[in-house]
Amino acid sequence: MPPFKNRQHAGSLLAEELLRRGYGQPPPPLIFALPRGGVPVAYPIAQRLGAPLEVWVVRKLGAPGQEELALGAIAAGGGRVLNPHILEGLGVSQAELEQILAREQQELKRRERLYRGDRPLPEIKGKTLVLVDDGLATGATMKATLAAARAQGAGRLVVAAPVAPPETVAELSTQADEVICLQTPVPFQAVGLWYQDFPQVSDQEVLTLLEAARRG
């Protein structure tokens, strides 16, 4: 039986772990979800910690014909990570890569407008950020987000995810100040395997949760 009933359950467990590690002390950290799947995980964390919930829009650069395989990722604020081993192994040309980057940059801007409207990213300089996703495979999207957050002067960066392979946790630990991951299974295979219920998250669900967090 997978350890997490759904994303909300995983978020509640992560919230308890964050409280145990002292992140419930005022002032609360800023909770940033990686949409879309990270938002239902981050919502109970923000509620439990009495912290604001925001999104940090990030896009995986899917390999041609193998969209689930990450060539890298780009994040709002200019974070960019490429995986040279996969690029080389698949023989992806510079022209193909530029095409993928242009397409994903367009989608990133669309989602920024959709989720944030005219609101800019909140001021993060010197602040503690908890970056939340529903699981990490290669960690490419999280690495791009960390790079963007560092570039904008964030203080302490905490990665929080229910599940990830141990090697991804080890790698992210060199870039974040702390990585909180509840399960590090071997073999890992895919994020969805560790949830009993793992539906696609819609844009509407993201917007509903963000609105509820703002009202709360």
N, C-alpha and C. Protein backbone atom coordinates (compact mmCIF):
# COMPACT_ATOMS: atom_id res chain seq x y z
N MET A 1 0.85 -1.20 0.00
CA MET A 1 0.00 0.00 0.00
C MET A 1 0.88 1.25 0.00
N PRO A 2 0.69 2.17 -0.96
CA PRO A 2 1.50 3.40 -0.97
C PRO A 2 1.33 4.19 0.32
N PRO A 3 2.37 4.88 0.78
CA PRO A 3 2.32 5.57 2.09
C PRO A 3 1.40 6.78 2.16
N PHE A 4 1.13 7.42 0.99
CA PHE A 4 0.31 8.63 1.00
C PHE A 4 -1.05 8.39 0.38
N LYS A 5 -2.11 8.79 1.09
CA LYS A 5 -3.47 8.61 0.55
C LYS A 5 -3.65 9.50 -0.68
N ASN A 6 -3.24 10.75 -0.56
CA ASN A 6 -3.37 11.73 -1.65
C ASN A 6 -2.42 12.88 -1.33
N ARG A 7 -2.45 13.92 -2.16
CA ARG A 7 -1.52 15.05 -1.96
C ARG A 7 -1.81 15.79 -0.65
N GLN A 8 -3.08 15.91 -0.30
CA GLN A 8 -3.44 16.63 0.93
C GLN A 8 -2.87 15.90 2.16
N HIS A 9 -2.99 14.58 2.16
CA HIS A 9 -2.46 13.77 3.25
C HIS A 9 -0.94 13.94 3.34
N ALA A 10 -0.26 13.91 2.18
CA ALA A 10 1.20 14.09 2.15
C ALA A 10 1.58 15.46 2.71
N GLY A 11 0.78 16.49 2.35
CA GLY A 11 1.05 17.85 2.85
C GLY A 11 0.89 17.96 4.35
N SER A 12 -0.12 17.28 4.89
CA SER A 12 -0.34 17.30 6.35
C SER A 12 0.84 16.67 7.08
N LEU A 13 1.36 15.56 6.53
CA LEU A 13 2.52 14.90 7.15
C LEU A 13 3.77 15.78 7.06
N LEU A 14 3.94 16.45 5.92
CA LEU A 14 5.08 17.36 5.78
C LEU A 14 4.97 18.54 6.75
N ALA A 15 3.73 19.03 6.93
CA ALA A 15 3.52 20.14 7.87
C ALA A 15 3.96 19.75 9.28
N GLU A 16 3.60 18.53 9.70
CA GLU A 16 3.99 18.07 11.04
C GLU A 16 5.52 18.00 11.17
N GLU A 17 6.18 17.55 10.11
CA GLU A 17 7.65 17.44 10.12
C GLU A 17 8.28 18.83 10.17
N LEU A 18 7.71 19.78 9.43
CA LEU A 18 8.24 21.15 9.45
C LEU A 18 8.06 21.77 10.84
N LEU A 19 6.92 21.51 11.48
CA LEU A 19 6.70 22.01 12.85
C LEU A 19 7.71 21.39 13.81
N ARG A 20 7.94 20.09 13.64
CA ARG A 20 8.89 19.38 14.50
C ARG A 20 10.29 19.99 14.39
N ARG A 21 10.60 20.50 13.20
CA ARG A 21 11.93 21.08 12.97
C ARG A 21 11.98 22.58 13.25
N GLY A 22 10.92 23.10 13.84
CA GLY A 22 10.95 24.49 14.31
C GLY A 22 10.47 25.54 13.34
N TYR A 23 9.85 25.14 12.21
CA TYR A 23 9.42 26.13 11.23
C TYR A 23 8.06 26.75 11.56
N GLY A 24 7.51 26.41 12.72
CA GLY A 24 6.26 27.04 13.14
C GLY A 24 6.49 28.31 13.95
N GLN A 25 7.78 28.60 14.26
CA GLN A 25 8.10 29.79 15.05
C GLN A 25 7.90 31.05 14.20
N PRO A 26 7.40 32.14 14.82
CA PRO A 26 7.26 33.38 14.05
C PRO A 26 8.66 33.99 13.79
N PRO A 27 8.82 34.75 12.68
CA PRO A 27 7.83 34.91 11.62
C PRO A 27 7.75 33.64 10.77
N PRO A 28 6.55 33.34 10.22
CA PRO A 28 6.43 32.11 9.43
C PRO A 28 7.23 32.22 8.13
N PRO A 29 7.69 31.08 7.61
CA PRO A 29 8.38 31.12 6.32
C PRO A 29 7.39 31.42 5.19
N LEU A 30 7.90 31.74 4.01
CA LEU A 30 7.04 31.86 2.83
C LEU A 30 6.96 30.48 2.20
N ILE A 31 5.74 30.01 1.95
CA ILE A 31 5.54 28.69 1.33
C ILE A 31 5.34 28.90 -0.17
N PHE A 32 6.23 28.32 -0.96
CA PHE A 32 6.12 28.39 -2.42
C PHE A 32 5.87 26.99 -2.97
N ALA A 33 4.74 26.82 -3.65
CA ALA A 33 4.43 25.53 -4.29
C ALA A 33 4.89 25.55 -5.73
N LEU A 34 5.38 24.42 -6.23
CA LEU A 34 5.67 24.27 -7.65
C LEU A 34 4.41 23.71 -8.29
N PRO A 35 3.75 24.53 -9.14
CA PRO A 35 2.49 24.06 -9.73
C PRO A 35 2.75 23.08 -10.86
N ARG A 36 1.77 22.19 -11.11
CA ARG A 36 0.50 22.24 -10.42
C ARG A 36 0.47 21.31 -9.20
N GLY A 37 1.13 20.17 -9.30
CA GLY A 37 0.99 19.14 -8.26
C GLY A 37 1.43 19.56 -6.87
N GLY A 38 2.33 20.53 -6.77
CA GLY A 38 2.81 20.95 -5.46
C GLY A 38 1.81 21.78 -4.67
N VAL A 39 0.80 22.34 -5.36
CA VAL A 39 -0.12 23.26 -4.68
C VAL A 39 -1.00 22.55 -3.65
N PRO A 40 -1.66 21.40 -4.00
CA PRO A 40 -2.47 20.72 -2.97
C PRO A 40 -1.63 20.16 -1.82
N VAL A 41 -0.33 19.95 -2.04
CA VAL A 41 0.56 19.50 -0.96
C VAL A 41 0.89 20.70 -0.06
N ALA A 42 1.14 21.84 -0.69
CA ALA A 42 1.58 23.03 0.05
C ALA A 42 0.44 23.69 0.84
N TYR A 43 -0.81 23.53 0.36
CA TYR A 43 -1.93 24.21 1.00
C TYR A 43 -2.06 23.84 2.49
N PRO A 44 -2.10 22.54 2.86
CA PRO A 44 -2.19 22.22 4.30
C PRO A 44 -0.95 22.66 5.08
N ILE A 45 0.21 22.75 4.42
CA ILE A 45 1.42 23.22 5.10
C ILE A 45 1.24 24.69 5.48
N ALA A 46 0.79 25.49 4.51
CA ALA A 46 0.58 26.92 4.77
C ALA A 46 -0.47 27.12 5.87
N GLN A 47 -1.55 26.32 5.83
CA GLN A 47 -2.61 26.43 6.85
C GLN A 47 -2.06 26.13 8.24
N ARG A 48 -1.31 25.03 8.33
CA ARG A 48 -0.81 24.56 9.63
C ARG A 48 0.24 25.50 10.21
N LEU A 49 1.07 26.09 9.33
CA LEU A 49 2.14 26.97 9.80
C LEU A 49 1.69 28.43 9.90
N GLY A 50 0.44 28.70 9.45
CA GLY A 50 -0.04 30.08 9.44
C GLY A 50 0.81 30.96 8.54
N ALA A 51 1.18 30.38 7.39
CA ALA A 51 2.11 31.04 6.48
C ALA A 51 1.44 31.37 5.16
N PRO A 52 1.91 32.41 4.46
CA PRO A 52 1.34 32.72 3.14
C PRO A 52 1.72 31.65 2.11
N LEU A 53 0.80 31.40 1.18
CA LEU A 53 1.04 30.41 0.12
C LEU A 53 1.16 31.14 -1.22
N GLU A 54 2.23 30.84 -1.93
CA GLU A 54 2.47 31.41 -3.26
C GLU A 54 2.86 30.28 -4.20
N VAL A 55 2.90 30.59 -5.49
CA VAL A 55 3.42 29.61 -6.45
C VAL A 55 4.70 30.15 -7.06
N TRP A 56 5.63 29.23 -7.34
CA TRP A 56 6.81 29.58 -8.12
C TRP A 56 6.70 28.76 -9.40
N VAL A 57 6.38 29.45 -10.49
CA VAL A 57 6.10 28.73 -11.73
C VAL A 57 7.39 28.22 -12.34
N VAL A 58 7.37 26.94 -12.68
CA VAL A 58 8.55 26.27 -13.22
C VAL A 58 8.09 25.29 -14.28
N ARG A 59 8.91 25.08 -15.30
CA ARG A 59 8.55 24.17 -16.39
C ARG A 59 9.69 23.19 -16.66
N LYS A 60 9.33 21.93 -16.71
CA LYS A 60 10.30 20.91 -17.11
C LYS A 60 10.52 21.00 -18.61
N LEU A 61 11.74 20.79 -19.06
CA LEU A 61 12.05 20.73 -20.49
C LEU A 61 12.04 19.26 -20.90
N GLY A 62 10.88 18.82 -21.40
CA GLY A 62 10.72 17.40 -21.75
C GLY A 62 11.49 17.03 -23.01
N ALA A 63 12.07 15.83 -23.02
CA ALA A 63 12.80 15.35 -24.19
C ALA A 63 11.84 15.11 -25.35
N PRO A 64 12.30 15.33 -26.59
CA PRO A 64 11.43 15.08 -27.75
C PRO A 64 10.93 13.63 -27.77
N GLY A 65 9.60 13.48 -27.80
CA GLY A 65 9.01 12.14 -27.83
C GLY A 65 9.01 11.42 -26.50
N GLN A 66 9.66 12.00 -25.48
CA GLN A 66 9.69 11.39 -24.13
C GLN A 66 9.50 12.52 -23.11
N GLU A 67 8.31 13.10 -23.13
CA GLU A 67 8.05 14.31 -22.35
C GLU A 67 8.35 14.17 -20.86
N GLU A 68 8.25 12.94 -20.33
CA GLU A 68 8.48 12.75 -18.90
C GLU A 68 9.96 12.82 -18.54
N LEU A 69 10.82 12.65 -19.54
CA LEU A 69 12.26 12.67 -19.31
C LEU A 69 12.75 14.12 -19.37
N ALA A 70 13.36 14.59 -18.29
CA ALA A 70 13.73 16.01 -18.20
C ALA A 70 15.11 16.28 -18.77
N LEU A 71 15.14 17.14 -19.81
CA LEU A 71 16.42 17.64 -20.32
C LEU A 71 16.94 18.74 -19.39
N GLY A 72 16.05 19.27 -18.56
CA GLY A 72 16.36 20.35 -17.64
C GLY A 72 15.07 21.03 -17.25
N ALA A 73 15.16 22.28 -16.80
CA ALA A 73 13.96 23.01 -16.38
C ALA A 73 14.26 24.50 -16.37
N ILE A 74 13.18 25.29 -16.49
CA ILE A 74 13.29 26.75 -16.34
C ILE A 74 12.28 27.20 -15.29
N ALA A 75 12.63 28.26 -14.56
CA ALA A 75 11.75 28.77 -13.51
C ALA A 75 11.55 30.27 -13.68
N ALA A 76 10.42 30.76 -13.21
CA ALA A 76 10.17 32.20 -13.17
C ALA A 76 11.30 32.86 -12.39
N GLY A 77 11.72 34.03 -12.84
CA GLY A 77 12.83 34.70 -12.17
C GLY A 77 14.17 34.36 -12.77
N GLY A 78 14.15 33.52 -13.84
CA GLY A 78 15.38 33.28 -14.60
C GLY A 78 16.17 32.04 -14.25
N GLY A 79 15.67 31.20 -13.34
CA GLY A 79 16.40 29.96 -13.03
C GLY A 79 16.37 29.00 -14.20
N ARG A 80 17.54 28.43 -14.53
CA ARG A 80 17.60 27.48 -15.64
C ARG A 80 18.61 26.39 -15.32
N VAL A 81 18.21 25.14 -15.54
CA VAL A 81 19.08 24.00 -15.29
C VAL A 81 19.00 23.09 -16.50
N LEU A 82 20.14 22.62 -16.98
CA LEU A 82 20.16 21.66 -18.09
C LEU A 82 20.89 20.41 -17.64
N ASN A 83 20.46 19.27 -18.19
CA ASN A 83 21.11 17.99 -17.88
C ASN A 83 21.96 17.57 -19.08
N PRO A 84 23.26 17.90 -19.06
CA PRO A 84 24.09 17.64 -20.23
C PRO A 84 24.18 16.17 -20.61
N HIS A 85 24.12 15.28 -19.60
CA HIS A 85 24.22 13.83 -19.89
C HIS A 85 23.05 13.36 -20.74
N ILE A 86 21.83 13.82 -20.38
CA ILE A 86 20.64 13.41 -21.14
C ILE A 86 20.64 14.07 -22.51
N LEU A 87 21.00 15.35 -22.56
CA LEU A 87 21.07 16.04 -23.85
C LEU A 87 22.02 15.33 -24.81
N GLU A 88 23.18 14.95 -24.29
CA GLU A 88 24.19 14.27 -25.11
C GLU A 88 23.74 12.87 -25.48
N GLY A 89 23.21 12.16 -24.47
CA GLY A 89 22.77 10.77 -24.70
C GLY A 89 21.69 10.65 -25.75
N LEU A 90 20.79 11.64 -25.80
CA LEU A 90 19.70 11.60 -26.77
C LEU A 90 20.07 12.30 -28.09
N GLY A 91 21.23 12.93 -28.11
CA GLY A 91 21.66 13.63 -29.32
C GLY A 91 20.77 14.83 -29.65
N VAL A 92 20.30 15.54 -28.62
CA VAL A 92 19.45 16.71 -28.85
C VAL A 92 20.31 17.87 -29.36
N SER A 93 19.98 18.39 -30.52
CA SER A 93 20.76 19.48 -31.11
C SER A 93 20.44 20.81 -30.41
N GLN A 94 21.32 21.80 -30.62
CA GLN A 94 21.11 23.13 -30.06
C GLN A 94 19.81 23.74 -30.58
N ALA A 95 19.53 23.50 -31.88
CA ALA A 95 18.30 24.04 -32.48
C ALA A 95 17.06 23.43 -31.83
N GLU A 96 17.10 22.11 -31.59
CA GLU A 96 15.96 21.44 -30.92
C GLU A 96 15.78 21.99 -29.51
N LEU A 97 16.91 22.15 -28.82
CA LEU A 97 16.85 22.66 -27.45
C LEU A 97 16.26 24.07 -27.41
N GLU A 98 16.68 24.92 -28.34
CA GLU A 98 16.15 26.30 -28.40
C GLU A 98 14.65 26.29 -28.64
N GLN A 99 14.20 25.36 -29.47
CA GLN A 99 12.77 25.23 -29.79
C GLN A 99 11.98 24.85 -28.52
N ILE A 100 12.52 23.87 -27.79
CA ILE A 100 11.87 23.41 -26.54
C ILE A 100 11.86 24.56 -25.52
N LEU A 101 12.99 25.26 -25.40
CA LEU A 101 13.09 26.38 -24.46
C LEU A 101 12.06 27.47 -24.78
N ALA A 102 11.93 27.80 -26.07
CA ALA A 102 10.99 28.85 -26.48
C ALA A 102 9.56 28.44 -26.15
N ARG A 103 9.22 27.17 -26.42
CA ARG A 103 7.86 26.69 -26.16
C ARG A 103 7.54 26.73 -24.67
N GLU A 104 8.50 26.25 -23.86
CA GLU A 104 8.25 26.18 -22.41
C GLU A 104 8.27 27.57 -21.77
N GLN A 105 9.06 28.48 -22.34
CA GLN A 105 9.08 29.85 -21.84
C GLN A 105 7.71 30.51 -22.04
N GLN A 106 7.11 30.21 -23.17
CA GLN A 106 5.77 30.73 -23.49
C GLN A 106 4.74 30.19 -22.49
N GLU A 107 4.83 28.87 -22.22
CA GLU A 107 3.90 28.24 -21.28
C GLU A 107 4.13 28.76 -19.86
N LEU A 108 5.40 29.02 -19.52
CA LEU A 108 5.72 29.55 -18.20
C LEU A 108 5.07 30.93 -18.02
N LYS A 109 5.16 31.77 -19.05
CA LYS A 109 4.55 33.11 -18.98
C LYS A 109 3.03 33.01 -18.88
N ARG A 110 2.44 32.06 -19.64
CA ARG A 110 0.98 31.88 -19.60
C ARG A 110 0.54 31.52 -18.18
N ARG A 111 1.25 30.59 -17.55
CA ARG A 111 0.87 30.16 -16.20
C ARG A 111 1.12 31.25 -15.17
N GLU A 112 2.20 32.01 -15.35
CA GLU A 112 2.45 33.15 -14.46
C GLU A 112 1.27 34.11 -14.48
N ARG A 113 0.81 34.44 -15.69
CA ARG A 113 -0.33 35.37 -15.82
C ARG A 113 -1.59 34.76 -15.19
N LEU A 114 -1.79 33.46 -15.44
CA LEU A 114 -2.99 32.78 -14.95
C LEU A 114 -3.00 32.71 -13.42
N TYR A 115 -1.90 32.27 -12.83
CA TYR A 115 -1.87 32.04 -11.38
C TYR A 115 -1.65 33.31 -10.57
N ARG A 116 -0.90 34.26 -11.15
CA ARG A 116 -0.51 35.43 -10.36
C ARG A 116 -1.20 36.70 -10.80
N GLY A 117 -1.71 36.73 -12.05
CA GLY A 117 -2.33 37.95 -12.56
C GLY A 117 -1.31 39.07 -12.61
N ASP A 118 -1.66 40.20 -12.02
CA ASP A 118 -0.74 41.35 -12.02
C ASP A 118 0.13 41.39 -10.76
N ARG A 119 -0.07 40.44 -9.86
CA ARG A 119 0.69 40.47 -8.61
C ARG A 119 2.14 40.04 -8.86
N PRO A 120 3.12 40.83 -8.43
CA PRO A 120 4.52 40.40 -8.58
C PRO A 120 4.84 39.33 -7.54
N LEU A 121 5.97 38.65 -7.73
CA LEU A 121 6.45 37.74 -6.69
C LEU A 121 6.64 38.55 -5.41
N PRO A 122 6.30 38.00 -4.24
CA PRO A 122 6.53 38.74 -3.00
C PRO A 122 8.03 38.96 -2.78
N GLU A 123 8.35 39.92 -1.95
CA GLU A 123 9.75 40.20 -1.61
C GLU A 123 10.32 39.01 -0.84
N ILE A 124 11.41 38.43 -1.36
CA ILE A 124 11.96 37.23 -0.71
C ILE A 124 13.36 37.46 -0.15
N LYS A 125 13.91 38.64 -0.38
CA LYS A 125 15.29 38.91 0.04
C LYS A 125 15.47 38.66 1.53
N GLY A 126 16.41 37.77 1.86
CA GLY A 126 16.73 37.48 3.25
C GLY A 126 15.72 36.63 3.99
N LYS A 127 14.66 36.18 3.30
CA LYS A 127 13.59 35.43 3.98
C LYS A 127 13.78 33.91 3.85
N THR A 128 13.11 33.20 4.75
CA THR A 128 13.10 31.74 4.67
C THR A 128 11.98 31.29 3.75
N LEU A 129 12.34 30.47 2.76
CA LEU A 129 11.37 29.95 1.80
C LEU A 129 11.29 28.43 1.95
N VAL A 130 10.07 27.91 1.96
CA VAL A 130 9.87 26.46 1.89
C VAL A 130 9.31 26.17 0.49
N LEU A 131 10.07 25.45 -0.31
CA LEU A 131 9.69 25.13 -1.69
C LEU A 131 9.11 23.73 -1.72
N VAL A 132 7.86 23.62 -2.16
CA VAL A 132 7.11 22.36 -2.02
C VAL A 132 6.72 21.77 -3.37
N ASP A 133 6.93 20.47 -3.53
CA ASP A 133 6.40 19.75 -4.69
C ASP A 133 5.80 18.44 -4.21
N ASP A 134 5.03 17.78 -5.10
CA ASP A 134 4.38 16.52 -4.68
C ASP A 134 5.31 15.33 -4.75
N GLY A 135 6.51 15.53 -5.25
CA GLY A 135 7.52 14.48 -5.34
C GLY A 135 8.60 14.96 -6.28
N LEU A 136 9.79 14.37 -6.15
CA LEU A 136 10.93 14.77 -6.97
C LEU A 136 11.51 13.53 -7.63
N ALA A 137 11.67 13.58 -8.94
CA ALA A 137 12.31 12.45 -9.64
C ALA A 137 13.77 12.82 -9.88
N THR A 138 14.05 13.54 -10.97
CA THR A 138 15.43 14.01 -11.20
C THR A 138 15.73 15.26 -10.37
N GLY A 139 14.68 15.97 -9.94
CA GLY A 139 14.88 17.21 -9.18
C GLY A 139 15.17 18.42 -10.06
N ALA A 140 15.04 18.27 -11.40
CA ALA A 140 15.39 19.36 -12.32
C ALA A 140 14.57 20.62 -12.04
N THR A 141 13.24 20.46 -11.86
CA THR A 141 12.40 21.64 -11.65
C THR A 141 12.74 22.33 -10.32
N MET A 142 13.03 21.54 -9.31
CA MET A 142 13.39 22.12 -8.01
C MET A 142 14.74 22.82 -8.08
N LYS A 143 15.69 22.26 -8.82
CA LYS A 143 17.01 22.90 -8.96
C LYS A 143 16.87 24.26 -9.64
N ALA A 144 16.03 24.33 -10.69
CA ALA A 144 15.83 25.61 -11.38
C ALA A 144 15.19 26.63 -10.45
N THR A 145 14.26 26.18 -9.60
CA THR A 145 13.60 27.08 -8.65
C THR A 145 14.59 27.58 -7.60
N LEU A 146 15.42 26.67 -7.11
CA LEU A 146 16.46 27.06 -6.13
C LEU A 146 17.40 28.11 -6.73
N ALA A 147 17.79 27.89 -7.99
CA ALA A 147 18.70 28.84 -8.65
C ALA A 147 18.05 30.22 -8.76
N ALA A 148 16.77 30.26 -9.13
CA ALA A 148 16.06 31.54 -9.26
C ALA A 148 15.92 32.22 -7.90
N ALA A 149 15.59 31.44 -6.87
CA ALA A 149 15.41 32.00 -5.52
C ALA A 149 16.73 32.54 -4.97
N ARG A 150 17.81 31.80 -5.19
CA ARG A 150 19.14 32.27 -4.74
C ARG A 150 19.49 33.58 -5.44
N ALA A 151 19.23 33.64 -6.77
CA ALA A 151 19.57 34.83 -7.55
C ALA A 151 18.82 36.06 -7.05
N GLN A 152 17.64 35.83 -6.46
CA GLN A 152 16.83 36.96 -5.97
C GLN A 152 17.07 37.24 -4.48
N GLY A 153 18.10 36.61 -3.93
CA GLY A 153 18.54 36.97 -2.58
C GLY A 153 17.79 36.32 -1.43
N ALA A 154 17.14 35.17 -1.69
CA ALA A 154 16.44 34.47 -0.60
C ALA A 154 17.43 34.14 0.52
N GLY A 155 16.91 34.11 1.75
CA GLY A 155 17.76 33.78 2.89
C GLY A 155 17.99 32.29 3.00
N ARG A 156 17.10 31.62 3.74
CA ARG A 156 17.22 30.16 3.92
C ARG A 156 16.27 29.46 2.96
N LEU A 157 16.76 28.46 2.25
CA LEU A 157 15.95 27.72 1.29
C LEU A 157 15.75 26.28 1.77
N VAL A 158 14.49 25.93 1.97
CA VAL A 158 14.13 24.59 2.45
C VAL A 158 13.30 23.91 1.37
N VAL A 159 13.73 22.73 0.96
CA VAL A 159 12.97 21.92 0.00
C VAL A 159 12.12 20.93 0.80
N ALA A 160 10.83 20.85 0.50
CA ALA A 160 9.94 19.91 1.19
C ALA A 160 9.17 19.10 0.15
N ALA A 161 9.33 17.79 0.20
CA ALA A 161 8.64 16.89 -0.73
C ALA A 161 8.33 15.58 -0.02
N PRO A 162 7.18 14.98 -0.34
CA PRO A 162 6.84 13.72 0.31
C PRO A 162 7.78 12.57 -0.06
N VAL A 163 8.21 12.55 -1.34
CA VAL A 163 8.95 11.38 -1.81
C VAL A 163 9.96 11.77 -2.89
N ALA A 164 11.11 11.10 -2.88
CA ALA A 164 12.16 11.34 -3.88
C ALA A 164 13.19 10.22 -3.76
N PRO A 165 13.90 9.92 -4.84
CA PRO A 165 14.98 8.94 -4.72
C PRO A 165 16.13 9.52 -3.89
N PRO A 166 16.88 8.66 -3.19
CA PRO A 166 17.94 9.16 -2.30
C PRO A 166 18.98 10.00 -3.02
N GLU A 167 19.30 9.64 -4.27
CA GLU A 167 20.34 10.41 -4.98
C GLU A 167 19.88 11.84 -5.30
N THR A 168 18.58 12.01 -5.54
CA THR A 168 18.05 13.36 -5.79
C THR A 168 18.09 14.18 -4.51
N VAL A 169 17.74 13.56 -3.39
CA VAL A 169 17.80 14.25 -2.09
C VAL A 169 19.24 14.67 -1.80
N ALA A 170 20.19 13.77 -2.06
CA ALA A 170 21.61 14.08 -1.81
C ALA A 170 22.07 15.25 -2.67
N GLU A 171 21.66 15.25 -3.93
CA GLU A 171 22.07 16.31 -4.85
C GLU A 171 21.46 17.66 -4.44
N LEU A 172 20.16 17.65 -4.11
CA LEU A 172 19.49 18.89 -3.71
C LEU A 172 20.04 19.43 -2.38
N SER A 173 20.54 18.54 -1.55
CA SER A 173 21.11 18.95 -0.26
C SER A 173 22.35 19.82 -0.43
N THR A 174 22.98 19.74 -1.61
CA THR A 174 24.15 20.60 -1.86
C THR A 174 23.72 21.99 -2.33
N GLN A 175 22.44 22.15 -2.69
CA GLN A 175 21.97 23.43 -3.23
C GLN A 175 20.98 24.14 -2.30
N ALA A 176 20.27 23.38 -1.48
CA ALA A 176 19.33 23.96 -0.52
C ALA A 176 19.98 23.96 0.86
N ASP A 177 19.42 24.75 1.78
CA ASP A 177 19.94 24.76 3.15
C ASP A 177 19.44 23.53 3.92
N GLU A 178 18.26 23.03 3.51
CA GLU A 178 17.72 21.83 4.15
C GLU A 178 16.75 21.16 3.18
N VAL A 179 16.78 19.83 3.16
CA VAL A 179 15.83 19.06 2.35
C VAL A 179 15.04 18.17 3.30
N ILE A 180 13.71 18.32 3.25
CA ILE A 180 12.84 17.50 4.08
C ILE A 180 12.07 16.58 3.15
N CYS A 181 12.35 15.30 3.23
CA CYS A 181 11.71 14.32 2.36
C CYS A 181 11.29 13.13 3.22
N LEU A 182 10.01 12.78 3.17
CA LEU A 182 9.47 11.76 4.08
C LEU A 182 9.80 10.33 3.67
N GLN A 183 9.90 10.10 2.37
CA GLN A 183 10.17 8.74 1.87
C GLN A 183 11.24 8.81 0.78
N THR A 184 12.24 7.93 0.87
CA THR A 184 13.28 7.86 -0.17
C THR A 184 13.41 6.40 -0.65
N PRO A 185 12.40 5.91 -1.38
CA PRO A 185 12.37 4.50 -1.75
C PRO A 185 13.39 4.13 -2.84
N VAL A 186 13.83 2.87 -2.77
CA VAL A 186 14.68 2.29 -3.82
C VAL A 186 14.09 0.93 -4.16
N PRO A 187 13.77 0.65 -5.45
CA PRO A 187 13.83 1.59 -6.57
C PRO A 187 12.70 2.61 -6.49
N PHE A 188 12.91 3.75 -7.14
CA PHE A 188 11.96 4.86 -7.04
C PHE A 188 10.89 4.78 -8.13
N GLN A 189 11.28 4.69 -9.37
CA GLN A 189 10.42 4.57 -10.56
C GLN A 189 9.63 5.83 -10.90
N ALA A 190 8.59 6.18 -10.14
CA ALA A 190 7.79 7.36 -10.47
C ALA A 190 7.07 7.89 -9.24
N VAL A 191 6.86 9.21 -9.20
CA VAL A 191 6.23 9.86 -8.05
C VAL A 191 4.86 9.25 -7.75
N GLY A 192 4.02 9.08 -8.79
CA GLY A 192 2.64 8.64 -8.60
C GLY A 192 2.48 7.28 -7.94
N LEU A 193 3.52 6.44 -8.00
CA LEU A 193 3.44 5.10 -7.40
C LEU A 193 3.33 5.14 -5.88
N TRP A 194 3.72 6.27 -5.29
CA TRP A 194 3.76 6.35 -3.83
C TRP A 194 2.51 7.00 -3.24
N TYR A 195 1.51 7.21 -4.10
CA TYR A 195 0.22 7.75 -3.69
C TYR A 195 -0.89 6.75 -4.02
N GLN A 196 -1.85 6.61 -3.11
CA GLN A 196 -3.02 5.77 -3.40
C GLN A 196 -3.91 6.46 -4.43
N ASP A 197 -3.98 7.78 -4.36
CA ASP A 197 -4.81 8.56 -5.28
C ASP A 197 -3.97 9.72 -5.80
N PHE A 198 -3.71 9.74 -7.12
CA PHE A 198 -2.78 10.72 -7.69
C PHE A 198 -3.33 11.27 -9.00
N PRO A 199 -4.47 12.00 -8.92
CA PRO A 199 -5.06 12.53 -10.16
C PRO A 199 -4.25 13.72 -10.69
N GLN A 200 -4.48 14.06 -11.96
CA GLN A 200 -3.92 15.29 -12.52
C GLN A 200 -4.52 16.46 -11.75
N VAL A 201 -3.71 17.50 -11.53
CA VAL A 201 -4.22 18.72 -10.88
C VAL A 201 -4.51 19.74 -11.98
N SER A 202 -5.71 20.32 -11.94
CA SER A 202 -6.10 21.28 -12.98
C SER A 202 -5.69 22.69 -12.59
N ASP A 203 -5.64 23.57 -13.59
CA ASP A 203 -5.40 24.99 -13.32
C ASP A 203 -6.46 25.54 -12.37
N GLN A 204 -7.70 25.10 -12.55
CA GLN A 204 -8.79 25.59 -11.71
C GLN A 204 -8.58 25.22 -10.24
N GLU A 205 -8.09 24.00 -10.00
CA GLU A 205 -7.82 23.57 -8.62
C GLU A 205 -6.72 24.44 -8.00
N VAL A 206 -5.68 24.73 -8.78
CA VAL A 206 -4.60 25.61 -8.31
C VAL A 206 -5.16 26.97 -7.92
N LEU A 207 -5.97 27.56 -8.82
CA LEU A 207 -6.53 28.89 -8.56
C LEU A 207 -7.44 28.89 -7.33
N THR A 208 -8.24 27.83 -7.17
CA THR A 208 -9.15 27.73 -6.02
C THR A 208 -8.36 27.69 -4.71
N LEU A 209 -7.30 26.90 -4.67
CA LEU A 209 -6.50 26.77 -3.45
C LEU A 209 -5.74 28.06 -3.14
N LEU A 210 -5.21 28.72 -4.18
CA LEU A 210 -4.50 29.99 -3.96
C LEU A 210 -5.45 31.06 -3.42
N GLU A 211 -6.65 31.08 -3.96
CA GLU A 211 -7.67 32.05 -3.52
C GLU A 211 -8.07 31.77 -2.07
N ALA A 212 -8.26 30.48 -1.75
CA ALA A 212 -8.63 30.10 -0.37
C ALA A 212 -7.51 30.49 0.60
N ALA A 213 -6.25 30.29 0.18
CA ALA A 213 -5.11 30.64 1.04
C ALA A 213 -5.06 32.15 1.27
N ARG A 214 -5.32 32.93 0.21
CA ARG A 214 -5.30 34.39 0.35
C ARG A 214 -6.42 34.88 1.29
N ARG A 215 -7.60 34.25 1.14
CA ARG A 215 -8.72 34.64 2.02
C ARG A 215 -8.44 34.26 3.47
N GLY A 216 -7.79 33.08 3.63
CA GLY A 216 -7.52 32.58 4.98
C GLY A 216 -6.48 33.39 5.70
